[in-house]
Protein backbone atom coordinates (compact mmCIF):
# COMPACT_ATOMS: atom_id res chain seq x y z
CA MET A 1 66.91 29.34 -1.59
CA ILE A 2 66.03 27.20 1.45
CA VAL A 3 65.85 28.80 4.94
CA GLU A 4 65.85 26.83 8.06
CA ARG A 5 63.10 27.84 10.21
CA ASP A 6 64.11 26.28 13.43
CA GLY A 7 67.70 27.30 13.44
CA PRO A 8 70.49 25.01 14.55
CA LYS A 9 69.58 21.65 15.97
CA SER A 10 69.95 21.16 19.64
CA PRO A 11 72.24 18.25 20.80
CA SER A 12 70.48 15.12 21.62
CA LEU A 13 70.14 13.86 25.28
CA SER A 14 72.66 11.09 24.58
CA THR A 15 75.12 13.57 23.48
CA ILE A 16 74.68 15.79 26.58
CA LEU A 17 74.83 12.78 28.87
CA PHE A 18 78.21 11.68 26.98
CA ILE A 19 79.62 15.21 27.53
CA ASN A 20 78.69 15.18 31.26
CA ILE A 21 80.21 11.84 31.74
CA LEU A 22 83.40 12.94 30.18
CA ASN A 23 83.45 15.93 32.37
CA ILE A 24 83.04 13.79 35.45
CA MET A 25 85.69 11.28 34.24
CA LYS A 26 88.09 14.29 33.67
CA GLU A 27 87.60 15.55 37.33
CA MET A 28 88.01 11.92 38.66
CA PHE A 29 91.22 11.45 36.70
CA GLY A 30 92.58 14.78 38.30
CA ILE A 31 91.61 13.64 41.77
CA VAL A 32 93.07 10.21 41.46
CA GLY A 33 96.16 11.57 39.92
CA MET A 34 96.51 14.13 42.65
CA ILE A 35 96.23 11.45 45.41
CA LEU A 36 98.65 9.11 43.62
CA VAL A 37 101.42 11.76 42.99
CA GLN A 38 101.00 13.66 46.25
CA GLY A 39 100.69 10.51 48.25
CA SER A 40 103.86 9.03 47.05
CA THR A 41 105.71 11.69 49.15
CA VAL A 42 104.09 10.39 52.22
CA PHE A 43 106.22 7.12 51.97
CA GLN A 44 109.53 9.09 51.94
CA ILE A 45 108.26 10.94 54.98
CA LEU A 46 107.33 7.87 56.71
CA LYS A 47 110.69 6.33 55.95
CA PHE A 48 112.54 9.39 57.37
CA LEU A 49 110.42 9.19 60.50
CA LYS A 50 111.00 5.39 60.90
CA SER A 51 114.70 5.13 60.15
CA LYS A 52 115.70 8.80 61.29
CA LYS A 53 118.38 8.42 58.49
CA THR A 54 118.71 10.29 55.02
CA GLU A 55 121.15 7.82 53.38
CA GLY A 56 120.64 7.52 49.75
CA VAL A 57 118.15 10.40 49.53
CA SER A 58 118.86 13.09 47.00
CA VAL A 59 118.14 16.53 48.43
CA ILE A 60 118.70 18.15 45.01
CA PHE A 61 115.70 16.03 43.83
CA TRP A 62 113.46 17.40 46.58
CA TRP A 63 114.58 21.09 45.84
CA VAL A 64 113.80 20.58 42.14
CA ILE A 65 110.43 19.06 43.04
CA LEU A 66 109.57 21.96 45.33
CA ALA A 67 110.51 24.48 42.66
CA GLY A 68 108.27 22.58 40.05
CA LEU A 69 105.41 22.50 42.40
CA LEU A 70 105.60 25.98 43.22
CA CYS A 71 105.59 26.84 39.52
CA TYR A 72 102.63 24.54 38.96
CA LEU A 73 100.89 26.23 42.02
CA ILE A 74 101.37 29.81 40.54
CA TYR A 75 100.16 28.39 37.15
CA ALA A 76 97.03 26.78 38.88
CA LEU A 77 96.28 30.04 40.64
CA LEU A 78 96.49 31.90 37.40
CA ILE A 79 94.13 29.67 35.70
CA ALA A 80 91.90 29.34 38.78
CA ASN A 81 91.81 25.41 38.59
CA THR A 82 90.80 24.11 41.99
CA ILE A 83 92.19 20.62 41.56
CA TYR A 84 95.63 21.81 40.68
CA ILE A 85 95.56 24.54 43.44
CA ILE A 86 94.69 21.84 46.00
CA SER A 87 97.19 19.31 44.56
CA ASN A 88 99.97 21.62 44.57
CA LEU A 89 99.24 23.10 47.90
CA ILE A 90 99.48 19.67 49.26
CA GLY A 91 102.65 18.82 47.28
CA VAL A 92 104.51 21.94 48.52
CA THR A 93 103.58 21.04 52.05
CA LEU A 94 104.65 17.47 51.86
CA THR A 95 107.75 18.26 49.92
CA SER A 96 108.64 20.98 52.54
CA VAL A 97 108.09 18.36 55.28
CA SER A 98 110.44 16.04 53.41
CA LEU A 99 113.06 18.66 53.17
CA LEU A 100 112.73 19.55 56.93
CA LEU A 101 112.99 15.84 57.95
CA TYR A 102 116.06 15.45 55.68
CA TYR A 103 117.93 18.29 57.29
CA TYR A 104 116.81 17.39 60.62
CA TYR A 105 118.07 13.75 60.29
CA LYS A 106 120.90 14.50 58.13
CA ASN A 107 123.49 14.09 60.82
């Protein structure tokens, strides 16, 4: 019977470095995704402000998006994920602004 005296081997420096790089990339993908998705709402807000018209805009779409964002926000709060919390707070705010502008310019 052979007994290991040193216990389990520690991960190598390259393995630790690789894991750290993956964690940084994971966070960066989350931040970039947040900017792209939530930033896309800004274009609709700018269109509302510039044209002062709501023709061709589906209000049901915006209400469904708002409901989904609120669900994601609750989920993010429950799992305490900072990127999701910030992203969905921004999303709820921008979507609410879009809806307010929709009803303001509806007539």
